Amino acid sequence: MRTEASVLHIDLDAFFAAVEQRDKPSLRGKPVIIGGVGGRGVVATASYEARAFGVRSAMSTREARSRCPNAAFLNGRFHAYREASSRVMAVLREASPLVEPLSIDEAFVDLRASDLETYDVATVTAFGEQLRAAVREASGGLTASVGIGSSKFIAKVASDLDKPDGLVVVPPGTEQQLLRPMAVTVIPGVGPATAERLRRAGIHTVADLEAVSEDELVRLVGKAHGHNLFHLARAQDDRTVESAREAKSVSVEGTYETDLADRKVMEHLLTRQAGQVGERLRKHGLSGRTVSIKVRLHDFTTMSRSSTLASPTDNDAVIARQARALLGALDVSGGVRLLGVGVSGLADWVQDDLFGSSSEVEEELEELPEVPTARTLTWAPGMDVEHSQMGRGWVWGSGKGVVTVRFETALTPPGPVRSYRMDDPELQPFMPPEPD
């Protein structure tokens, strides 16, 4: 266990929505919701202005519209998010060579690997403020919340305490005092099911959890989970910051506007997804032993099934065959709205398998029927466009043969709105060049 506050956690605030507000001046200070814009869409991120209306991540777009009808509902622009994330991660690596990205918008930083000579509260606080300022400058104005503590767990808890755009340092020796009043859900791994088990046992706060013996926790939630809860309730976390985090799985999934009812179509889609998974595995020199599928039914019930092979594979046909077999064991007669294929148990070697070859998949793909696909609008709300006369802008909305564009960029004031025919040759999608 560390005796100084030398682990930093940084979390970019409402990242996707913040990037959109940065690049679209007319949306600054207004509610913005990123995700699927169709009837079955799901919210990926909501700006803080939208959160004030009760909109949250993973909420259905339908409910988000009912709570905040005046929000801007936009599809994601992942090229913009990746570019902003790359800038931020570069700033973090300049501050310390030991950075562990957790996702596109958050990371741990080990201050022991930085140039700091001491880790007293005043020094690490100044370091955190300088880092937040550097992130804001490099990203074009994005804000970040930062927590600094003696462990990953404490740093992560601290970064959530003063959102958005905050900095919290937990002085060594005060960790348990901070945790005790908090709900048990603050501990990683305590989701709804575990929280309910603990509630039935009269455990609501971390202080309650701390009072329970390790044997009792193991009885309540199992050996591994109980052992983990026992230590985290006492702020005991010795996990190190790992600069290279290996992928645990490779997966592809799709959500469909119309429920899939034909099992043959589902099998074809799984075959196509298996091919995409295999391609990604080979691109990164990986293989995996466990093939899994994810199926979401018409009533939003989600089921997962998996099968483990005798040896690792990156073969499309092997993955597809296992995925189709797993589907065959499920009752999907009521209709399916989401399908996905994944491979886990990854390794950096492959043993040739006799189950099949990629040519089988190619033959099947040639025979694929037309199937419903995830909704992809020609002019998706939020996408970047360029007009030969008006310059760059973004799609405000489209329908009935008309696309409406607001012409503005991150470097301009809020711009004018114009409407065009969807097939207007002067209006084209805009994709910024790849960085060198």
Protein backbone atom coordinates (compact mmCIF):
# COMPACT_ATOMS: atom_id res chain seq x y z
CA MET A 1 0.00 0.00 0.00
CA ARG A 2 1.22 3.49 -0.82
CA THR A 3 1.78 5.98 1.95
CA GLU A 4 1.45 9.03 -0.30
CA ALA A 5 -1.16 10.41 -2.69
CA SER A 6 0.60 9.47 -5.91
CA VAL A 7 -2.14 7.92 -8.09
CA LEU A 8 -4.16 10.28 -10.25
CA HIS A 9 -7.44 9.51 -12.02
CA ILE A 10 -8.68 11.85 -14.74
CA ASP A 11 -12.14 11.74 -16.28
CA LEU A 12 -13.15 14.05 -19.13
CA ASP A 13 -16.52 15.62 -18.31
CA ALA A 14 -19.50 14.46 -20.43
CA PHE A 15 -16.89 13.77 -23.10
CA PHE A 16 -18.88 13.08 -26.28
CA ALA A 17 -21.33 15.90 -25.58
CA ALA A 18 -18.51 18.28 -24.63
CA VAL A 19 -16.73 17.64 -27.94
CA GLU A 20 -19.97 18.44 -29.79
CA GLN A 21 -20.44 21.66 -27.82
CA ARG A 22 -16.82 22.60 -28.49
CA ASP A 23 -17.24 22.12 -32.25
CA LYS A 24 -20.78 23.55 -32.49
CA PRO A 25 -20.89 27.04 -30.92
CA SER A 26 -24.68 27.27 -31.11
CA LEU A 27 -24.95 24.30 -28.71
CA ARG A 28 -22.74 25.68 -25.96
CA GLY A 29 -24.63 25.96 -22.70
CA LYS A 30 -27.57 23.99 -24.11
CA PRO A 31 -28.72 20.40 -23.56
CA VAL A 32 -27.00 17.95 -25.93
CA ILE A 33 -27.64 14.21 -26.08
CA ILE A 34 -25.40 11.81 -28.01
CA GLY A 35 -26.48 8.34 -29.07
CA GLY A 36 -28.95 6.58 -31.30
CA VAL A 37 -31.53 9.06 -32.55
CA GLY A 38 -34.08 6.43 -33.66
CA GLY A 39 -36.93 5.06 -31.61
CA ARG A 40 -34.73 2.27 -30.26
CA GLY A 41 -31.67 4.39 -29.70
CA VAL A 42 -29.81 4.57 -26.42
CA VAL A 43 -28.13 7.59 -24.84
CA ALA A 44 -24.33 7.35 -24.87
CA THR A 45 -23.63 10.67 -23.17
CA ALA A 46 -25.69 13.65 -22.08
CA SER A 47 -24.34 17.13 -21.43
CA TYR A 48 -24.72 18.49 -17.92
CA GLU A 49 -27.48 20.77 -19.19
CA ALA A 50 -29.41 17.66 -20.27
CA ARG A 51 -28.61 15.80 -17.06
CA ALA A 52 -30.44 18.54 -15.17
CA PHE A 53 -33.62 17.14 -16.78
CA GLY A 54 -32.83 13.61 -15.57
CA VAL A 55 -31.26 12.31 -18.79
CA ARG A 56 -28.59 9.67 -18.13
CA SER A 57 -26.33 7.33 -20.09
CA ALA A 58 -27.95 4.02 -21.15
CA MET A 59 -31.42 5.60 -21.02
CA SER A 60 -33.56 4.98 -24.09
CA THR A 61 -33.66 7.86 -26.53
CA ARG A 62 -37.44 7.75 -26.35
CA GLU A 63 -37.38 8.48 -22.62
CA ALA A 64 -34.66 11.11 -23.05
CA ARG A 65 -36.86 12.94 -25.59
CA SER A 66 -39.78 12.92 -23.18
CA ARG A 67 -37.63 14.35 -20.38
CA CYS A 68 -35.75 16.89 -22.47
CA PRO A 69 -37.61 17.51 -25.75
CA ASN A 70 -35.66 20.68 -26.57
CA ALA A 71 -32.25 19.01 -26.48
CA ALA A 72 -30.09 18.56 -29.55
CA PHE A 73 -30.09 14.81 -30.32
CA LEU A 74 -26.99 13.89 -32.31
CA ASN A 75 -25.31 10.79 -33.66
CA GLY A 76 -21.72 10.28 -32.56
CA ARG A 77 -18.71 11.58 -34.50
CA PHE A 78 -16.12 9.08 -33.40
CA HIS A 79 -13.31 10.53 -35.47
CA ALA A 80 -13.64 13.74 -33.44
CA TYR A 81 -13.71 11.86 -30.13
CA ARG A 82 -10.65 9.80 -31.03
CA GLU A 83 -8.74 12.90 -32.07
CA ALA A 84 -9.58 14.72 -28.82
CA SER A 85 -8.72 11.65 -26.75
CA SER A 86 -5.35 11.30 -28.50
CA ARG A 87 -4.48 14.89 -27.62
CA VAL A 88 -5.41 14.36 -23.98
CA MET A 89 -3.50 11.08 -23.66
CA ALA A 90 -0.43 12.77 -25.15
CA VAL A 91 -0.62 15.44 -22.43
CA LEU A 92 -0.87 12.76 -19.75
CA ARG A 93 2.15 10.89 -21.10
CA GLU A 94 4.16 14.10 -21.07
CA ALA A 95 3.33 14.45 -17.38
CA SER A 96 4.23 10.83 -16.57
CA PRO A 97 5.37 7.91 -18.72
CA LEU A 98 3.15 5.59 -16.68
CA VAL A 99 -0.42 6.15 -17.95
CA GLU A 100 -3.16 3.51 -17.96
CA PRO A 101 -6.06 4.45 -20.26
CA LEU A 102 -9.34 2.95 -19.06
CA SER A 103 -11.43 4.17 -21.97
CA ILE A 104 -11.44 6.93 -24.55
CA ASP A 105 -12.14 9.55 -21.86
CA GLU A 106 -10.46 8.43 -18.63
CA ALA A 107 -7.11 7.19 -17.38
CA PHE A 108 -4.91 6.58 -14.36
CA VAL A 109 -1.56 8.37 -14.06
CA ASP A 110 1.22 7.21 -11.72
CA LEU A 111 2.82 10.31 -10.22
CA ARG A 112 5.75 8.28 -8.92
CA ALA A 113 6.95 8.13 -12.53
CA SER A 114 6.66 11.91 -12.96
CA ASP A 115 9.25 14.58 -12.18
CA LEU A 116 7.72 15.43 -8.79
CA GLU A 117 10.23 15.48 -5.96
CA THR A 118 7.63 15.16 -3.22
CA TYR A 119 4.02 14.04 -2.89
CA ASP A 120 2.67 16.29 -0.16
CA VAL A 121 -0.88 17.53 -0.67
CA ALA A 122 0.14 21.00 -1.83
CA THR A 123 2.54 19.64 -4.47
CA VAL A 124 0.17 17.07 -5.97
CA THR A 125 -2.68 19.60 -5.90
CA ALA A 126 -0.60 22.04 -7.94
CA PHE A 127 0.36 19.21 -10.30
CA GLY A 128 -3.31 18.29 -10.78
CA GLU A 129 -4.29 21.87 -11.55
CA GLN A 130 -1.48 22.23 -14.08
CA LEU A 131 -2.51 18.97 -15.72
CA ARG A 132 -6.15 20.04 -16.00
CA ALA A 133 -5.07 23.34 -17.56
CA ALA A 134 -2.83 21.52 -20.05
CA VAL A 135 -5.69 19.16 -20.99
CA ARG A 136 -8.05 22.10 -21.50
CA GLU A 137 -5.56 23.85 -23.78
CA ALA A 138 -4.61 20.78 -25.82
CA SER A 139 -8.21 19.67 -26.35
CA GLY A 140 -9.62 23.03 -27.34
CA GLY A 141 -11.47 23.73 -24.09
CA LEU A 142 -12.58 20.36 -22.73
CA THR A 143 -12.76 20.12 -18.96
CA ALA A 144 -11.71 17.20 -16.78
CA SER A 145 -12.35 16.08 -13.22
CA VAL A 146 -9.31 14.81 -11.36
CA GLY A 147 -8.89 12.74 -8.21
CA ILE A 148 -5.57 12.02 -6.48
CA GLY A 149 -5.08 9.45 -3.75
CA SER A 150 -2.98 6.62 -2.42
CA SER A 151 -4.57 3.99 -4.69
CA LYS A 152 -6.55 3.53 -7.87
CA PHE A 153 -9.74 3.02 -5.89
CA ILE A 154 -9.37 6.21 -3.87
CA ALA A 155 -8.29 8.28 -6.88
CA LYS A 156 -11.34 7.09 -8.85
CA VAL A 157 -13.69 7.88 -5.97
CA ALA A 158 -12.10 11.31 -5.56
CA SER A 159 -12.53 12.24 -9.23
CA ASP A 160 -16.30 11.76 -8.88
CA LEU A 161 -16.65 14.07 -5.87
CA ASP A 162 -16.46 17.47 -7.56
CA LYS A 163 -17.83 17.06 -11.06
CA PRO A 164 -17.63 18.72 -13.48
CA ASP A 165 -14.26 20.44 -13.76
CA GLY A 166 -13.10 19.64 -10.24
CA LEU A 167 -10.01 18.46 -8.39
CA VAL A 168 -10.03 16.46 -5.16
CA VAL A 169 -6.92 15.24 -3.32
CA VAL A 170 -7.42 12.69 -0.54
CA PRO A 171 -4.66 13.11 2.05
CA PRO A 172 -3.04 9.81 3.10
CA GLY A 173 -4.58 8.48 6.30
CA THR A 174 -8.04 9.97 5.62
CA GLU A 175 -9.25 7.34 3.13
CA GLN A 176 -11.54 5.42 5.47
CA GLN A 177 -12.96 8.61 6.91
CA LEU A 178 -13.92 9.59 3.35
CA LEU A 179 -15.43 6.22 2.45
CA ARG A 180 -17.43 5.32 5.54
CA PRO A 181 -20.51 7.54 4.94
CA MET A 182 -20.73 6.54 1.27
CA ALA A 183 -23.15 4.01 -0.17
CA VAL A 184 -21.69 0.56 -0.84
CA THR A 185 -22.22 1.14 -4.57
CA VAL A 186 -19.15 3.40 -4.54
CA ILE A 187 -17.05 0.21 -4.47
CA PRO A 188 -16.19 -1.22 -7.91
CA GLY A 189 -18.16 -4.36 -8.65
CA VAL A 190 -21.11 -3.52 -6.39
CA GLY A 191 -23.89 -3.37 -8.96
CA PRO A 192 -27.64 -3.64 -8.40
CA ALA A 193 -27.61 -7.38 -7.66
CA THR A 194 -24.78 -7.23 -5.11
CA ALA A 195 -26.18 -4.05 -3.56
CA GLU A 196 -29.52 -5.81 -3.05
CA ARG A 197 -27.87 -8.79 -1.37
CA LEU A 198 -26.01 -6.46 0.95
CA ARG A 199 -29.14 -4.41 1.65
CA ARG A 200 -31.01 -7.53 2.72
CA ALA A 201 -28.19 -8.14 5.17
CA GLY A 202 -28.54 -4.61 6.53
CA ILE A 203 -25.42 -3.30 4.78
CA HIS A 204 -26.01 0.10 3.18
CA THR A 205 -22.84 2.13 3.64
CA VAL A 206 -19.13 1.42 3.50
CA ALA A 207 -19.10 1.78 7.30
CA ASP A 208 -21.67 -1.02 7.50
CA LEU A 209 -19.53 -3.11 5.17
CA GLU A 210 -16.41 -2.48 7.23
CA ALA A 211 -18.14 -3.94 10.28
CA VAL A 212 -18.78 -7.30 8.56
CA SER A 213 -16.25 -10.11 8.78
CA GLU A 214 -14.57 -11.47 5.68
CA ASP A 215 -16.15 -14.89 6.23
CA GLU A 216 -19.62 -13.34 6.29
CA LEU A 217 -18.97 -11.37 3.10
CA VAL A 218 -17.77 -14.52 1.37
CA ARG A 219 -20.98 -16.23 2.43
CA LEU A 220 -23.06 -13.34 1.10
CA VAL A 221 -21.43 -12.68 -2.28
CA GLY A 222 -18.89 -15.43 -2.94
CA LYS A 223 -15.21 -15.96 -2.25
CA ALA A 224 -13.49 -13.65 -4.75
CA HIS A 225 -16.04 -10.84 -4.48
CA GLY A 226 -16.26 -11.08 -0.71
CA HIS A 227 -12.49 -10.95 -0.32
CA ASN A 228 -12.36 -7.89 -2.59
CA LEU A 229 -15.14 -6.07 -0.72
CA PHE A 230 -13.50 -6.77 2.64
CA HIS A 231 -10.29 -5.04 1.58
CA LEU A 232 -11.78 -2.15 -0.39
CA ALA A 233 -14.07 -1.28 2.53
CA ARG A 234 -10.83 -0.65 4.43
CA ALA A 235 -9.32 1.34 1.52
CA GLN A 236 -6.84 -1.45 0.88
CA ASP A 237 -5.99 -1.48 -2.84
CA ASP A 238 -2.50 -2.35 -4.05
CA ARG A 239 -3.21 -2.50 -7.78
CA THR A 240 -0.48 -0.87 -9.85
CA VAL A 241 -0.90 1.52 -12.76
CA GLU A 242 -0.29 -0.54 -15.90
CA SER A 243 0.79 1.42 -18.96
CA ALA A 244 -0.11 -1.39 -21.40
CA ARG A 245 -3.58 -2.79 -20.85
CA GLU A 246 -4.18 -5.87 -22.97
CA ALA A 247 -7.50 -6.31 -24.69
CA LYS A 248 -9.71 -8.88 -22.95
CA SER A 249 -12.03 -9.50 -25.88
CA VAL A 250 -12.86 -8.53 -29.46
CA SER A 251 -16.53 -8.19 -30.38
CA VAL A 252 -18.99 -6.80 -32.93
CA GLU A 253 -22.69 -6.18 -32.45
CA GLY A 254 -25.58 -4.49 -34.23
CA THR A 255 -28.98 -3.08 -33.23
CA TYR A 256 -31.80 -3.35 -35.75
CA GLU A 257 -34.67 -0.98 -36.47
CA THR A 258 -37.03 -3.86 -37.22
CA ASP A 259 -37.15 -6.98 -35.05
CA LEU A 260 -35.44 -9.93 -36.72
CA ALA A 261 -37.80 -12.89 -36.95
CA ASP A 262 -36.10 -15.14 -39.51
CA ARG A 263 -33.51 -17.41 -37.87
CA LYS A 264 -31.71 -17.83 -41.20
CA VAL A 265 -31.22 -14.08 -41.38
CA MET A 266 -29.88 -14.08 -37.83
CA GLU A 267 -27.40 -16.81 -38.73
CA HIS A 268 -26.24 -14.82 -41.76
CA LEU A 269 -25.73 -11.74 -39.59
CA LEU A 270 -23.74 -13.73 -37.03
CA THR A 271 -21.60 -15.09 -39.87
CA ARG A 272 -20.91 -11.58 -41.10
CA GLN A 273 -20.05 -10.38 -37.58
CA ALA A 274 -17.80 -13.40 -37.06
CA GLY A 275 -15.89 -12.36 -40.17
CA GLN A 276 -15.40 -8.86 -38.75
CA VAL A 277 -14.22 -10.25 -35.41
CA GLY A 278 -11.78 -12.59 -37.16
CA GLU A 279 -10.42 -9.71 -39.22
CA ARG A 280 -9.79 -7.64 -36.10
CA LEU A 281 -8.09 -10.53 -34.36
CA ARG A 282 -5.73 -11.10 -37.29
CA LYS A 283 -5.00 -7.39 -37.62
CA HIS A 284 -3.67 -7.33 -34.05
CA GLY A 285 -2.00 -10.74 -34.17
CA LEU A 286 -4.43 -12.23 -31.66
CA SER A 287 -6.57 -15.32 -31.31
CA GLY A 288 -9.07 -16.51 -28.72
CA ARG A 289 -10.52 -19.67 -27.24
CA THR A 290 -13.97 -18.51 -26.10
CA VAL A 291 -16.66 -17.57 -28.64
CA SER A 292 -19.73 -15.81 -27.29
CA ILE A 293 -22.92 -14.31 -28.64
CA LYS A 294 -25.15 -11.57 -27.26
CA VAL A 295 -28.85 -11.53 -28.10
CA ARG A 296 -31.36 -8.86 -27.07
CA LEU A 297 -34.97 -9.91 -27.55
CA HIS A 298 -37.99 -7.81 -28.55
CA ASP A 299 -38.80 -7.21 -24.85
CA PHE A 300 -35.25 -5.96 -24.09
CA THR A 301 -34.30 -9.21 -22.35
CA THR A 302 -30.58 -9.74 -23.00
CA MET A 303 -29.01 -13.18 -23.16
CA SER A 304 -25.37 -14.22 -23.53
CA ARG A 305 -24.01 -17.65 -24.36
CA SER A 306 -20.42 -18.81 -24.82
CA SER A 307 -18.43 -21.86 -25.85
CA THR A 308 -14.73 -22.57 -25.27
CA LEU A 309 -12.62 -24.20 -27.98
CA ALA A 310 -9.79 -26.67 -27.46
CA SER A 311 -7.28 -24.17 -28.85
CA PRO A 312 -7.16 -20.45 -29.79
CA THR A 313 -8.39 -19.42 -33.23
CA ASP A 314 -8.73 -16.36 -35.45
CA ASN A 315 -10.56 -18.31 -38.15
CA ASP A 316 -13.77 -16.67 -39.39
CA ALA A 317 -15.47 -19.98 -40.15
CA VAL A 318 -14.69 -21.46 -36.73
CA ILE A 319 -16.02 -18.38 -34.96
CA ALA A 320 -19.12 -18.27 -37.17
CA ARG A 321 -19.88 -21.96 -36.68
CA GLN A 322 -19.66 -21.67 -32.90
CA ALA A 323 -21.82 -18.52 -32.91
CA ARG A 324 -24.53 -20.16 -35.00
CA ALA A 325 -24.50 -23.21 -32.73
CA LEU A 326 -24.95 -20.99 -29.69
CA LEU A 327 -27.89 -19.23 -31.37
CA GLY A 328 -29.47 -22.59 -32.11
CA ALA A 329 -29.88 -23.24 -28.39
CA LEU A 330 -31.90 -20.05 -27.82
CA ASP A 331 -35.61 -19.35 -28.27
CA VAL A 332 -35.71 -16.28 -30.50
CA SER A 333 -39.20 -16.82 -31.89
CA GLY A 334 -40.47 -13.55 -30.44
CA GLY A 335 -38.02 -11.45 -32.43
CA VAL A 336 -34.50 -10.09 -31.91
CA ARG A 337 -33.40 -6.47 -31.88
CA LEU A 338 -29.66 -6.88 -31.19
CA LEU A 339 -27.09 -9.51 -32.15
CA GLY A 340 -23.40 -9.65 -31.34
CA VAL A 341 -20.40 -11.98 -31.61
CA GLY A 342 -17.28 -11.85 -29.46
CA VAL A 343 -14.07 -13.76 -28.84
CA SER A 344 -12.26 -13.73 -25.48
CA GLY A 345 -9.53 -15.69 -23.78
CA LEU A 346 -7.11 -13.92 -26.09
CA ALA A 347 -3.62 -15.18 -26.93
CA ASP A 348 -0.91 -14.06 -29.31
CA TRP A 349 -0.72 -17.40 -31.13
CA VAL A 350 -3.00 -19.54 -33.27
CA GLN A 351 -3.23 -23.29 -33.71
CA ASP A 352 -4.67 -24.32 -37.06
CA ASP A 353 -8.14 -25.75 -36.59
CA LEU A 354 -9.82 -28.37 -38.73
CA PHE A 355 -13.35 -27.00 -38.28
CA GLY A 356 -13.35 -24.99 -41.49
CA SER A 357 -11.73 -22.31 -43.58
CA SER A 358 -12.39 -18.68 -44.32
CA SER A 359 -13.47 -19.62 -47.84
CA GLU A 360 -16.63 -21.12 -46.36
CA VAL A 361 -17.50 -17.76 -44.88
CA GLU A 362 -16.81 -15.98 -48.15
CA GLU A 363 -19.20 -18.31 -49.94
CA GLU A 364 -21.91 -17.67 -47.36
CA LEU A 365 -21.45 -13.90 -47.51
CA GLU A 366 -21.94 -13.95 -51.26
CA GLU A 367 -25.38 -15.46 -50.69
CA LEU A 368 -26.51 -13.09 -47.93
CA PRO A 369 -30.03 -11.75 -48.43
CA GLU A 370 -30.98 -8.14 -47.86
CA VAL A 371 -31.47 -7.79 -44.10
CA PRO A 372 -32.40 -4.90 -41.80
CA THR A 373 -29.33 -3.02 -40.64
CA ALA A 374 -28.67 -0.56 -37.87
CA ARG A 375 -30.19 2.74 -38.88
CA THR A 376 -27.72 4.81 -40.90
CA LEU A 377 -29.07 8.12 -42.16
CA THR A 378 -27.56 9.64 -45.27
CA TRP A 379 -27.43 12.92 -43.39
CA ALA A 380 -27.16 11.96 -39.71
CA PRO A 381 -27.83 14.68 -37.11
CA GLY A 382 -24.51 16.16 -36.01
CA MET A 383 -22.39 14.91 -38.90
CA ASP A 384 -19.82 17.22 -40.48
CA VAL A 385 -20.58 18.58 -43.93
CA GLU A 386 -19.15 21.09 -46.36
CA HIS A 387 -20.95 23.30 -48.89
CA SER A 388 -19.13 24.68 -51.91
CA GLN A 389 -20.38 28.21 -51.18
CA MET A 390 -21.16 28.29 -47.46
CA GLY A 391 -18.19 26.26 -46.21
CA ARG A 392 -18.20 23.83 -43.31
CA GLY A 393 -21.10 23.06 -41.00
CA TRP A 394 -23.10 20.23 -39.48
CA VAL A 395 -26.41 18.53 -40.08
CA TRP A 396 -29.19 19.99 -37.98
CA GLY A 397 -31.77 17.52 -39.26
CA SER A 398 -33.10 15.81 -42.36
CA GLY A 399 -36.24 14.27 -43.81
CA LYS A 400 -38.68 14.35 -46.73
CA GLY A 401 -35.87 14.96 -49.19
CA VAL A 402 -34.46 17.98 -47.33
CA VAL A 403 -31.36 18.37 -45.17
CA THR A 404 -30.92 21.34 -42.84
CA VAL A 405 -27.42 22.53 -42.02
CA ARG A 406 -26.02 25.02 -39.52
CA PHE A 407 -22.81 26.53 -40.86
CA GLU A 408 -20.32 26.95 -38.02
CA THR A 409 -17.17 25.37 -36.62
CA ALA A 410 -15.32 25.41 -33.33
CA LEU A 411 -13.48 28.54 -34.47
CA THR A 412 -16.50 30.59 -35.59
CA PRO A 413 -19.45 32.26 -33.86
CA PRO A 414 -22.85 30.52 -34.05
CA GLY A 415 -23.66 30.35 -37.74
CA PRO A 416 -26.63 30.56 -40.09
CA VAL A 417 -29.03 27.73 -40.85
CA ARG A 418 -29.84 26.72 -44.42
CA SER A 419 -31.85 23.90 -46.00
CA TYR A 420 -31.01 21.98 -49.19
CA ARG A 421 -32.21 19.04 -51.21
CA MET A 422 -30.61 15.85 -49.95
CA ASP A 423 -29.07 15.29 -53.38
CA ASP A 424 -27.71 18.83 -53.73
CA PRO A 425 -24.31 18.33 -55.40
CA GLU A 426 -22.85 21.36 -53.62
CA LEU A 427 -23.30 19.72 -50.21
CA GLN A 428 -20.96 16.86 -49.24
CA PRO A 429 -20.01 14.99 -46.07
CA PHE A 430 -16.78 16.32 -44.59
CA MET A 431 -14.13 14.12 -43.01
CA PRO A 432 -11.03 15.85 -41.64
CA PRO A 433 -7.69 14.45 -42.80
CA GLU A 434 -6.02 11.82 -40.65
CA PRO A 435 -3.34 13.33 -38.37
CA ASP A 436 0.27 12.62 -39.32
